[in-house]
Structure formats: structure tokens, C-alpha cells
PDB file of N, CA and C in Angstrom:
ATOM      1  N   MET A   1     173.088  28.597 103.810  1.00  0.00           N
ATOM      2  CA  MET A   1     172.099  27.752 103.186  1.00  0.00           C
ATOM      3  C   MET A   1     170.792  28.530 103.086  1.00  0.00           C
ATOM      4  N   PHE A   2     170.131  28.410 101.949  1.00  0.00           N
ATOM      5  CA  PHE A   2     168.851  29.061 101.703  1.00  0.00           C
ATOM      6  C   PHE A   2     167.809  27.993 101.385  1.00  0.00           C
ATOM      7  N   VAL A   3     166.629  28.155 101.943  1.00  0.00           N
ATOM      8  CA  VAL A   3     165.508  27.251 101.708  1.00  0.00           C
ATOM      9  C   VAL A   3     164.359  28.082 101.156  1.00  0.00           C
ATOM     10  N   GLY A   4     163.828  27.667 100.034  1.00  0.00           N
ATOM     11  CA  GLY A   4     162.703  28.363  99.437  1.00  0.00           C
ATOM     12  C   GLY A   4     161.511  27.449  99.302  1.00  0.00           C
ATOM     13  N   THR A   5     160.328  27.992  99.580  1.00  0.00           N
ATOM     14  CA  THR A   5     159.100  27.224  99.403  1.00  0.00           C
ATOM     15  C   THR A   5     158.168  27.992  98.479  1.00  0.00           C
ATOM     16  N   LEU A   6     157.363  27.238  97.767  1.00  0.00           N
ATOM     17  CA  LEU A   6     156.415  27.801  96.824  1.00  0.00           C
ATOM     18  C   LEU A   6     155.114  27.025  96.954  1.00  0.00           C
ATOM     19  N   GLU A   7     154.010  27.740  97.168  1.00  0.00           N
ATOM     20  CA  GLU A   7     152.685  27.129  97.202  1.00  0.00           C
ATOM     21  C   GLU A   7     151.949  27.547  95.941  1.00  0.00           C
ATOM     22  N   LEU A   8     151.518  26.564  95.176  1.00  0.00           N
ATOM     23  CA  LEU A   8     150.799  26.819  93.932  1.00  0.00           C
ATOM     24  C   LEU A   8     149.371  26.309  94.065  1.00  0.00           C
ATOM     25  N   ASP A   9     148.417  27.208  94.011  1.00  0.00           N
ATOM     26  CA  ASP A   9     147.006  26.849  94.061  1.00  0.00           C
ATOM     27  C   ASP A   9     146.515  26.776  92.621  1.00  0.00           C
ATOM     28  N   VAL A  10     146.112  25.588  92.191  1.00  0.00           N
ATOM     29  CA  VAL A  10     145.727  25.401  90.798  1.00  0.00           C
ATOM     30  C   VAL A  10     144.295  24.891  90.686  1.00  0.00           C
ATOM     31  N   LEU A  11     143.663  25.282  89.604  1.00  0.00           N
ATOM     32  CA  LEU A  11     142.332  24.804  89.243  1.00  0.00           C
ATOM     33  C   LEU A  11     142.516  23.845  88.080  1.00  0.00           C
ATOM     34  N   LEU A  12     142.045  22.630  88.253  1.00  0.00           N
ATOM     35  CA  LEU A  12     142.199  21.602  87.232  1.00  0.00           C
ATOM     36  C   LEU A  12     141.055  21.695  86.231  1.00  0.00           C
ATOM     37  N   GLY A  13     141.291  21.214  85.038  1.00  0.00           N
ATOM     38  CA  GLY A  13     140.297  21.285  83.975  1.00  0.00           C
ATOM     39  C   GLY A  13     139.111  20.370  84.225  1.00  0.00           C
ATOM     40  N   ASP A  14     138.770  19.542  83.273  1.00  0.00           N
ATOM     41  CA  ASP A  14     137.595  18.670  83.322  1.00  0.00           C
ATOM     42  C   ASP A  14     137.880  17.453  84.205  1.00  0.00           C
ATOM     43  N   VAL A  15     137.746  17.637  85.511  1.00  0.00           N
ATOM     44  CA  VAL A  15     138.009  16.569  86.481  1.00  0.00           C
ATOM     45  C   VAL A  15     136.731  16.339  87.270  1.00  0.00           C
ATOM     46  N   ARG A  16     136.280  15.079  87.315  1.00  0.00           N
ATOM     47  CA  ARG A  16     135.016  14.774  87.981  1.00  0.00           C
ATOM     48  C   ARG A  16     135.164  13.828  89.167  1.00  0.00           C
ATOM     49  N   SER A  17     136.365  13.391  89.456  1.00  0.00           N
ATOM     50  CA  SER A  17     136.564  12.482  90.583  1.00  0.00           C
ATOM     51  C   SER A  17     137.957  12.681  91.150  1.00  0.00           C
ATOM     52  N   LEU A  18     138.169  12.171  92.351  1.00  0.00           N
ATOM     53  CA  LEU A  18     139.495  12.254  92.961  1.00  0.00           C
ATOM     54  C   LEU A  18     140.498  11.392  92.200  1.00  0.00           C
ATOM     55  N   LYS A  19     140.033  10.323  91.592  1.00  0.00           N
ATOM     56  CA  LYS A  19     140.916   9.480  90.781  1.00  0.00           C
ATOM     57  C   LYS A  19     141.416  10.251  89.560  1.00  0.00           C
ATOM     58  N   GLN A  20     140.524  10.978  88.893  1.00  0.00           N
ATOM     59  CA  GLN A  20     140.942  11.810  87.758  1.00  0.00           C
ATOM     60  C   GLN A  20     141.876  12.916  88.226  1.00  0.00           C
ATOM     61  N   LYS A  21     141.610  13.455  89.408  1.00  0.00           N
ATOM     62  CA  LYS A  21     142.473  14.501  89.954  1.00  0.00           C
ATOM     63  C   LYS A  21     143.890  13.974  90.137  1.00  0.00           C
ATOM     64  N   ARG A  22     144.017  12.786  90.734  1.00  0.00           N
ATOM     65  CA  ARG A  22     145.351  12.195  90.926  1.00  0.00           C
ATOM     66  C   ARG A  22     146.062  11.998  89.596  1.00  0.00           C
ATOM     67  N   SER A  23     145.321  11.562  88.582  1.00  0.00           N
ATOM     68  CA  SER A  23     145.964  11.336  87.283  1.00  0.00           C
ATOM     69  C   SER A  23     146.335  12.650  86.593  1.00  0.00           C
ATOM     70  N   ALA A  24     145.721  13.750  86.992  1.00  0.00           N
ATOM     71  CA  ALA A  24     146.092  15.054  86.441  1.00  0.00           C
ATOM     72  C   ALA A  24     147.255  15.678  87.207  1.00  0.00           C
ATOM     73  N   VAL A  25     147.297  15.473  88.526  1.00  0.00           N
ATOM     74  CA  VAL A  25     148.327  16.090  89.368  1.00  0.00           C
ATOM     75  C   VAL A  25     149.642  15.323  89.284  1.00  0.00           C
ATOM     76  N   ARG A  26     149.576  14.012  89.200  1.00  0.00           N
ATOM     77  CA  ARG A  26     150.793  13.184  89.214  1.00  0.00           C
ATOM     78  C   ARG A  26     151.809  13.581  88.143  1.00  0.00           C
ATOM     79  N   PRO A  27     151.421  13.830  86.879  1.00  0.00           N
ATOM     80  CA  PRO A  27     152.417  14.237  85.879  1.00  0.00           C
ATOM     81  C   PRO A  27     153.046  15.604  86.163  1.00  0.00           C
ATOM     82  N   ILE A  28     152.282  16.506  86.765  1.00  0.00           N
ATOM     83  CA  ILE A  28     152.821  17.825  87.103  1.00  0.00           C
ATOM     84  C   ILE A  28     153.902  17.677  88.169  1.00  0.00           C
ATOM     85  N   VAL A  29     153.601  16.894  89.192  1.00  0.00           N
ATOM     86  CA  VAL A  29     154.559  16.662  90.275  1.00  0.00           C
ATOM     87  C   VAL A  29     155.816  15.991  89.727  1.00  0.00           C
ATOM     88  N   ALA A  30     155.634  14.984  88.885  1.00  0.00           N
ATOM     89  CA  ALA A  30     156.788  14.264  88.317  1.00  0.00           C
ATOM     90  C   ALA A  30     157.647  15.183  87.448  1.00  0.00           C
ATOM     91  N   GLU A  31     157.014  16.043  86.662  1.00  0.00           N
ATOM     92  CA  GLU A  31     157.772  16.960  85.802  1.00  0.00           C
ATOM     93  C   GLU A  31     158.611  17.928  86.632  1.00  0.00           C
ATOM     94  N   LEU A  32     158.013  18.493  87.675  1.00  0.00           N
ATOM     95  CA  LEU A  32     158.762  19.437  88.514  1.00  0.00           C
ATOM     96  C   LEU A  32     159.944  18.745  89.183  1.00  0.00           C
ATOM     97  N   ARG A  33     159.731  17.544  89.695  1.00  0.00           N
ATOM     98  CA  ARG A  33     160.837  16.802  90.329  1.00  0.00           C
ATOM     99  C   ARG A  33     161.953  16.517  89.337  1.00  0.00           C
ATOM    100  N   ARG A  34     161.561  16.042  88.164  1.00  0.00           N
ATOM    101  CA  ARG A  34     162.552  15.624  87.172  1.00  0.00           C
ATOM    102  C   ARG A  34     163.321  16.809  86.590  1.00  0.00           C
ATOM    103  N   HIS A  35     162.628  17.869  86.226  1.00  0.00           N
ATOM    104  CA  HIS A  35     163.279  18.983  85.524  1.00  0.00           C
ATOM    105  C   HIS A  35     164.007  19.956  86.447  1.00  0.00           C
ATOM    106  N   PHE A  36     163.519  20.105  87.675  1.00  0.00           N
ATOM    107  CA  PHE A  36     164.072  21.150  88.533  1.00  0.00           C
ATOM    108  C   PHE A  36     164.725  20.629  89.803  1.00  0.00           C
ATOM    109  N   ASP A  37     164.701  19.323  90.020  1.00  0.00           N
ATOM    110  CA  ASP A  37     165.344  18.701  91.183  1.00  0.00           C
ATOM    111  C   ASP A  37     164.877  19.362  92.488  1.00  0.00           C
ATOM    112  N   VAL A  38     163.563  19.413  92.663  1.00  0.00           N
ATOM    113  CA  VAL A  38     162.955  19.996  93.855  1.00  0.00           C
ATOM    114  C   VAL A  38     162.083  18.948  94.533  1.00  0.00           C
ATOM    115  N   ALA A  39     161.726  19.213  95.767  1.00  0.00           N
ATOM    116  CA  ALA A  39     160.751  18.377  96.467  1.00  0.00           C
ATOM    117  C   ALA A  39     159.368  18.951  96.180  1.00  0.00           C
ATOM    118  N   VAL A  40     158.429  18.079  95.798  1.00  0.00           N
ATOM    119  CA  VAL A  40     157.078  18.516  95.444  1.00  0.00           C
ATOM    120  C   VAL A  40     156.071  17.549  96.041  1.00  0.00           C
ATOM    121  N   ALA A  41     154.951  18.091  96.514  1.00  0.00           N
ATOM    122  CA  ALA A  41     153.863  17.255  97.017  1.00  0.00           C
ATOM    123  C   ALA A  41     152.548  17.988  96.863  1.00  0.00           C
ATOM    124  N   GLU A  42     151.480  17.211  96.729  1.00  0.00           N
ATOM    125  CA  GLU A  42     150.149  17.796  96.800  1.00  0.00           C
ATOM    126  C   GLU A  42     149.880  18.023  98.278  1.00  0.00           C
ATOM    127  N   ALA A  43     149.711  19.266  98.669  1.00  0.00           N
ATOM    128  CA  ALA A  43     149.709  19.611 100.090  1.00  0.00           C
ATOM    129  C   ALA A  43     148.399  20.210 100.582  1.00  0.00           C
ATOM    130  N   GLY A  44     147.412  20.314  99.736  1.00  0.00           N
ATOM    131  CA  GLY A  44     146.161  20.898 100.185  1.00  0.00           C
ATOM    132  C   GLY A  44     145.040  20.666  99.201  1.00  0.00           C
ATOM    133  N   HIS A  45     143.822  21.001  99.613  1.00  0.00           N
ATOM    134  CA  HIS A  45     142.613  20.787  98.820  1.00  0.00           C
ATOM    135  C   HIS A  45     142.489  19.306  98.440  1.00  0.00           C
ATOM    136  N   LEU A  46     142.827  18.426  99.375  1.00  0.00           N
ATOM    137  CA  LEU A  46     142.883  16.999  99.064  1.00  0.00           C
ATOM    138  C   LEU A  46     141.521  16.387  98.756  1.00  0.00           C
ATOM    139  N   SER A  47     140.471  16.933  99.314  1.00  0.00           N
ATOM    140  CA  SER A  47     139.152  16.346  99.081  1.00  0.00           C
ATOM    141  C   SER A  47     138.361  17.063  97.981  1.00  0.00           C
ATOM    142  N   LEU A  48     138.925  18.104  97.393  1.00  0.00           N
ATOM    143  CA  LEU A  48     138.257  18.815  96.302  1.00  0.00           C
ATOM    144  C   LEU A  48     138.676  18.225  94.961  1.00  0.00           C
ATOM    145  N   HIS A  49     137.739  18.073  94.059  1.00  0.00           N
ATOM    146  CA  HIS A  49     138.014  17.430  92.772  1.00  0.00           C
ATOM    147  C   HIS A  49     138.806  18.308  91.822  1.00  0.00           C
ATOM    148  N   ARG A  50     138.490  19.579  91.763  1.00  0.00           N
ATOM    149  CA  ARG A  50     139.077  20.438  90.734  1.00  0.00           C
ATOM    150  C   ARG A  50     140.160  21.369  91.233  1.00  0.00           C
ATOM    151  N   ARG A  51     140.490  21.324  92.518  1.00  0.00           N
ATOM    152  CA  ARG A  51     141.531  22.206  93.065  1.00  0.00           C
ATOM    153  C   ARG A  51     142.663  21.357  93.616  1.00  0.00           C
ATOM    154  N   ALA A  52     143.858  21.905  93.546  1.00  0.00           N
ATOM    155  CA  ALA A  52     145.027  21.258  94.140  1.00  0.00           C
ATOM    156  C   ALA A  52     145.967  22.339  94.644  1.00  0.00           C
ATOM    157  N   LEU A  53     146.563  22.081  95.777  1.00  0.00           N
ATOM    158  CA  LEU A  53     147.591  22.959  96.318  1.00  0.00           C
ATOM    159  C   LEU A  53     148.894  22.174  96.275  1.00  0.00           C
ATOM    160  N   LEU A  54     149.824  22.648  95.453  1.00  0.00           N
ATOM    161  CA  LEU A  54     151.111  21.977  95.304  1.00  0.00           C
ATOM    162  C   LEU A  54     152.155  22.720  96.114  1.00  0.00           C
ATOM    163  N   GLY A  55     152.905  21.992  96.903  1.00  0.00           N
ATOM    164  CA  GLY A  55     154.001  22.560  97.668  1.00  0.00           C
ATOM    165  C   GLY A  55     155.319  22.182  97.034  1.00  0.00           C
ATOM    166  N   VAL A  56     156.173  23.176  96.817  1.00  0.00           N
ATOM    167  CA  VAL A  56     157.484  22.970  96.191  1.00  0.00           C
ATOM    168  C   VAL A  56     158.543  23.519  97.142  1.00  0.00           C
ATOM    169  N   ALA A  57     159.642  22.780  97.315  1.00  0.00           N
ATOM    170  CA  ALA A  57     160.734  23.244  98.174  1.00  0.00           C
ATOM    171  C   ALA A  57     162.064  23.040  97.463  1.00  0.00           C
ATOM    172  N   ALA A  58     162.952  24.023  97.654  1.00  0.00           N
ATOM    173  CA  ALA A  58     164.295  23.958  97.067  1.00  0.00           C
ATOM    174  C   ALA A  58     165.303  24.447  98.095  1.00  0.00           C
ATOM    175  N   VAL A  59     166.472  23.834  98.080  1.00  0.00           N
ATOM    176  CA  VAL A  59     167.560  24.201  99.000  1.00  0.00           C
ATOM    177  C   VAL A  59     168.820  24.417  98.174  1.00  0.00           C
ATOM    178  N   ALA A  60     169.555  25.507  98.477  1.00  0.00           N
ATOM    179  CA  ALA A  60     170.808  25.782  97.777  1.00  0.00           C
ATOM    180  C   ALA A  60     171.669  26.699  98.636  1.00  0.00           C
ATOM    181  N   ALA A  61     172.907  26.820  98.254  1.00  0.00           N
ATOM    182  CA  ALA A  61     173.834  27.694  98.973  1.00  0.00           C
ATOM    183  C   ALA A  61     173.613  29.164  98.631  1.00  0.00           C
ATOM    184  N   ASP A  62     172.947  29.419  97.514  1.00  0.00           N
ATOM    185  CA  ASP A  62     172.747  30.782  97.022  1.00  0.00           C
ATOM    186  C   ASP A  62     171.253  31.099  96.944  1.00  0.00           C
ATOM    187  N   GLY A  63     170.832  32.184  97.558  1.00  0.00           N
ATOM    188  CA  GLY A  63     169.433  32.581  97.549  1.00  0.00           C
ATOM    189  C   GLY A  63     168.909  32.897  96.164  1.00  0.00           C
ATOM    190  N   GLU A  64     169.736  33.478  95.328  1.00  0.00           N
ATOM    191  CA  GLU A  64     169.326  33.814  93.963  1.00  0.00           C
ATOM    192  C   GLU A  64     169.002  32.552  93.163  1.00  0.00           C
ATOM    193  N   HIS A  65     169.787  31.508  93.377  1.00  0.00           N
ATOM    194  CA  HIS A  65     169.530  30.235  92.686  1.00  0.00           C
ATOM    195  C   HIS A  65     168.181  29.655  93.123  1.00  0.00           C
ATOM    196  N   VAL A  66     167.888  29.717  94.411  1.00  0.00           N
ATOM    197  CA  VAL A  66     166.611  29.217  94.909  1.00  0.00           C
ATOM    198  C   VAL A  66     165.464  29.997  94.274  1.00  0.00           C
ATOM    199  N   ARG A  67     165.582  31.312  94.210  1.00  0.00           N
ATOM    200  CA  ARG A  67     164.540  32.133  93.579  1.00  0.00           C
ATOM    201  C   ARG A  67     164.361  31.770  92.110  1.00  0.00           C
ATOM    202  N   ASP A  68     165.468  31.578  91.396  1.00  0.00           N
ATOM    203  CA  ASP A  68     165.391  31.221  89.977  1.00  0.00           C
ATOM    204  C   ASP A  68     164.682  29.878  89.773  1.00  0.00           C
ATOM    205  N   VAL A  69     165.004  28.911  90.614  1.00  0.00           N
ATOM    206  CA  VAL A  69     164.380  27.585  90.505  1.00  0.00           C
ATOM    207  C   VAL A  69     162.885  27.681  90.780  1.00  0.00           C
ATOM    208  N   LEU A  70     162.500  28.402  91.828  1.00  0.00           N
ATOM    209  CA  LEU A  70     161.076  28.531  92.149  1.00  0.00           C
ATOM    210  C   LEU A  70     160.335  29.308  91.062  1.00  0.00           C
ATOM    211  N   ASP A  71     160.966  30.325  90.489  1.00  0.00           N
ATOM    212  CA  ASP A  71     160.366  31.053  89.361  1.00  0.00           C
ATOM    213  C   ASP A  71     160.117  30.110  88.180  1.00  0.00           C
ATOM    214  N   ALA A  72     161.096  29.266  87.885  1.00  0.00           N
ATOM    215  CA  ALA A  72     160.966  28.328  86.768  1.00  0.00           C
ATOM    216  C   ALA A  72     159.852  27.317  87.037  1.00  0.00           C
ATOM    217  N   CYS A  73     159.727  26.864  88.265  1.00  0.00           N
ATOM    218  CA  CYS A  73     158.647  25.935  88.622  1.00  0.00           C
ATOM    219  C   CYS A  73     157.286  26.598  88.437  1.00  0.00           C
ATOM    220  N   GLU A  74     157.176  27.832  88.882  1.00  0.00           N
ATOM    221  CA  GLU A  74     155.913  28.560  88.729  1.00  0.00           C
ATOM    222  C   GLU A  74     155.557  28.739  87.255  1.00  0.00           C
ATOM    223  N   ARG A  75     156.537  29.104  86.442  1.00  0.00           N
ATOM    224  CA  ARG A  75     156.291  29.267  85.002  1.00  0.00           C
ATOM    225  C   ARG A  75     155.884  27.941  84.352  1.00  0.00           C
ATOM    226  N   ALA A  76     156.509  26.841  84.777  1.00  0.00           N
ATOM    227  CA  ALA A  76     156.193  25.532  84.202  1.00  0.00           C
ATOM    228  C   ALA A  76     154.743  25.145  84.489  1.00  0.00           C
ATOM    229  N   VAL A  77     154.288  25.385  85.703  1.00  0.00           N
ATOM    230  CA  VAL A  77     152.907  25.041  86.047  1.00  0.00           C
ATOM    231  C   VAL A  77     151.938  25.998  85.351  1.00  0.00           C
ATOM    232  N   ALA A  78     152.249  27.284  85.338  1.00  0.00           N
ATOM    233  CA  ALA A  78     151.373  28.272  84.694  1.00  0.00           C
ATOM    234  C   ALA A  78     151.249  28.019  83.200  1.00  0.00           C
ATOM    235  N   GLY A  79     152.272  27.442  82.598  1.00  0.00           N
ATOM    236  CA  GLY A  79     152.257  27.192  81.163  1.00  0.00           C
ATOM    237  C   GLY A  79     151.534  25.929  80.747  1.00  0.00           C
ATOM    238  N   ARG A  80     151.091  25.136  81.687  1.00  0.00           N
ATOM    239  CA  ARG A  80     150.375  23.902  81.340  1.00  0.00           C
ATOM    240  C   ARG A  80     148.939  24.242  80.960  1.00  0.00           C
ATOM    241  N   PRO A  81     148.481  23.764  79.811  1.00  0.00           N
ATOM    242  CA  PRO A  81     147.141  24.142  79.347  1.00  0.00           C
ATOM    243  C   PRO A  81     146.003  23.511  80.144  1.00  0.00           C
ATOM    244  N   GLU A  82     146.254  22.402  80.830  1.00  0.00           N
ATOM    245  CA  GLU A  82     145.175  21.706  81.529  1.00  0.00           C
ATOM    246  C   GLU A  82     144.891  22.254  82.930  1.00  0.00           C
ATOM    247  N   VAL A  83     145.694  23.222  83.381  1.00  0.00           N
ATOM    248  CA  VAL A  83     145.471  23.815  84.704  1.00  0.00           C
ATOM    249  C   VAL A  83     145.470  25.333  84.604  1.00  0.00           C
ATOM    250  N   GLU A  84     144.808  25.938  85.572  1.00  0.00           N
ATOM    251  CA  GLU A  84     144.830  27.389  85.701  1.00  0.00           C
ATOM    252  C   GLU A  84     145.480  27.714  87.041  1.00  0.00           C
ATOM    253  N   LEU A  85     146.542  28.477  87.011  1.00  0.00           N
ATOM    254  CA  LEU A  85     147.224  28.873  88.236  1.00  0.00           C
ATOM    255  C   LEU A  85     146.444  30.004  88.890  1.00  0.00           C
ATOM    256  N   LEU A  86     145.871  29.726  90.063  1.00  0.00           N
ATOM    257  CA  LEU A  86     145.062  30.718  90.766  1.00  0.00           C
ATOM    258  C   LEU A  86     145.922  31.650  91.606  1.00  0.00           C
ATOM    259  N   SER A  87     146.923  31.086  92.294  1.00  0.00           N
ATOM    260  CA  SER A  87     147.809  31.918  93.105  1.00  0.00           C
ATOM    261  C   SER A  87     149.124  31.186  93.339  1.00  0.00           C
ATOM    262  N   ALA A  88     150.133  31.973  93.633  1.00  0.00           N
ATOM    263  CA  ALA A  88     151.459  31.450  93.960  1.00  0.00           C
ATOM    264  C   ALA A  88     151.985  32.250  95.145  1.00  0.00           C
ATOM    265  N   ARG A  89     152.421  31.539  96.158  1.00  0.00           N
ATOM    266  CA  ARG A  89     152.974  32.185  97.343  1.00  0.00           C
ATOM    267  C   ARG A  89     154.326  31.572  97.642  1.00  0.00           C
ATOM    268  N   ARG A  90     155.296  32.403  97.936  1.00  0.00           N
ATOM    269  CA  ARG A  90     156.649  31.885  98.180  1.00  0.00           C
ATOM    270  C   ARG A  90     157.252  32.469  99.445  1.00  0.00           C
ATOM    271  N   ARG A  91     158.205  31.715  99.989  1.00  0.00           N
ATOM    272  CA  ARG A  91     158.990  32.160 101.135  1.00  0.00           C
ATOM    273  C   ARG A  91     160.429  31.756 100.905  1.00  0.00           C
ATOM    274  N   LEU A  92     161.330  32.599 101.395  1.00  0.00           N
ATOM    275  CA  LEU A  92     162.763  32.304 101.312  1.00  0.00           C
ATOM    276  C   LEU A  92     163.363  32.503 102.688  1.00  0.00           C
ATOM    277  N   LEU A  93     163.986  31.465 103.193  1.00  0.00           N
ATOM    278  CA  LEU A  93     164.653  31.524 104.492  1.00  0.00           C
ATOM    279  C   LEU A  93     166.157  31.452 104.268  1.00  0.00           C
ATOM    280  N   GLY A  94     166.873  32.357 104.903  1.00  0.00           N
ATOM    281  CA  GLY A  94     168.319  32.408 104.769  1.00  0.00           C
ATOM    282  C   GLY A  94     169.030  32.158 106.073  1.00  0.00           C
ATOM    283  N   PRO A  95     170.326  32.356 106.093  1.00  0.00           N
ATOM    284  CA  PRO A  95     171.118  32.075 107.294  1.00  0.00           C
ATOM    285  C   PRO A  95     170.725  32.919 108.517  1.00  0.00           C
ATOM    286  N   GLU A  96     170.170  34.092 108.290  1.00  0.00           N
ATOM    287  CA  GLU A  96     169.811  34.955 109.407  1.00  0.00           C
ATOM    288  C   GLU A  96     168.437  34.650 109.990  1.00  0.00           C
ATOM    289  N   ASP A  97     167.659  33.795 109.330  1.00  0.00           N
ATOM    290  CA  ASP A  97     166.279  33.505 109.782  1.00  0.00           C
ATOM    291  C   ASP A  97     166.247  32.448 110.864  1.00  0.00           C
TER     292      ASP A  97
END
């Protein structure tokens, strides 16, 4: 079994309140869950209006599949015009870890 995690630090566009932030982050989280069947949550920068840290996790029997899914998630977020992807950090844990 392989477990992969991905942390995406994003800068949101014209957001002036935490309520606007939630309405900007919620569709991103829903899209990742729906299209890639991964666990996703806003995991950091909770009190900042224009920043969000999204945590993504995937589990599979094959490490290559986990990497492919996390790559696709990163590309999906980077391709959204309303956000700027500042950084992406990933980890992969396998049977020997």
C-alpha cells in the first residue's frame, strides 16, 4: 500500500473576507474530490484572506498511480485562473516506511 500527500499553497485572487475565501476554496476542493477521488481539506492559513493551504491525500496499491494522481491534482489547481500556485510539496510513503 502506498500513501501520497500533497500540500498546495495557493494565493487567491480578489478576496477581501474569510467568507469570500470559503466560496473560492470550496469549488476547488469539490473538483479535486470529484475528479480524482482523493481526500482534500483546507489545512492551513485559515485566518488569512488571500492564502490557502490545501492538503490532498491518495492511497493505492501502486506508488506510480499515487504519483500520477497527485500530479494531476497539482496541474488542476495550477490551471485555475482565479488562484496562483505558490508551492507544492509532496510525500510518498510505501510498504518499507
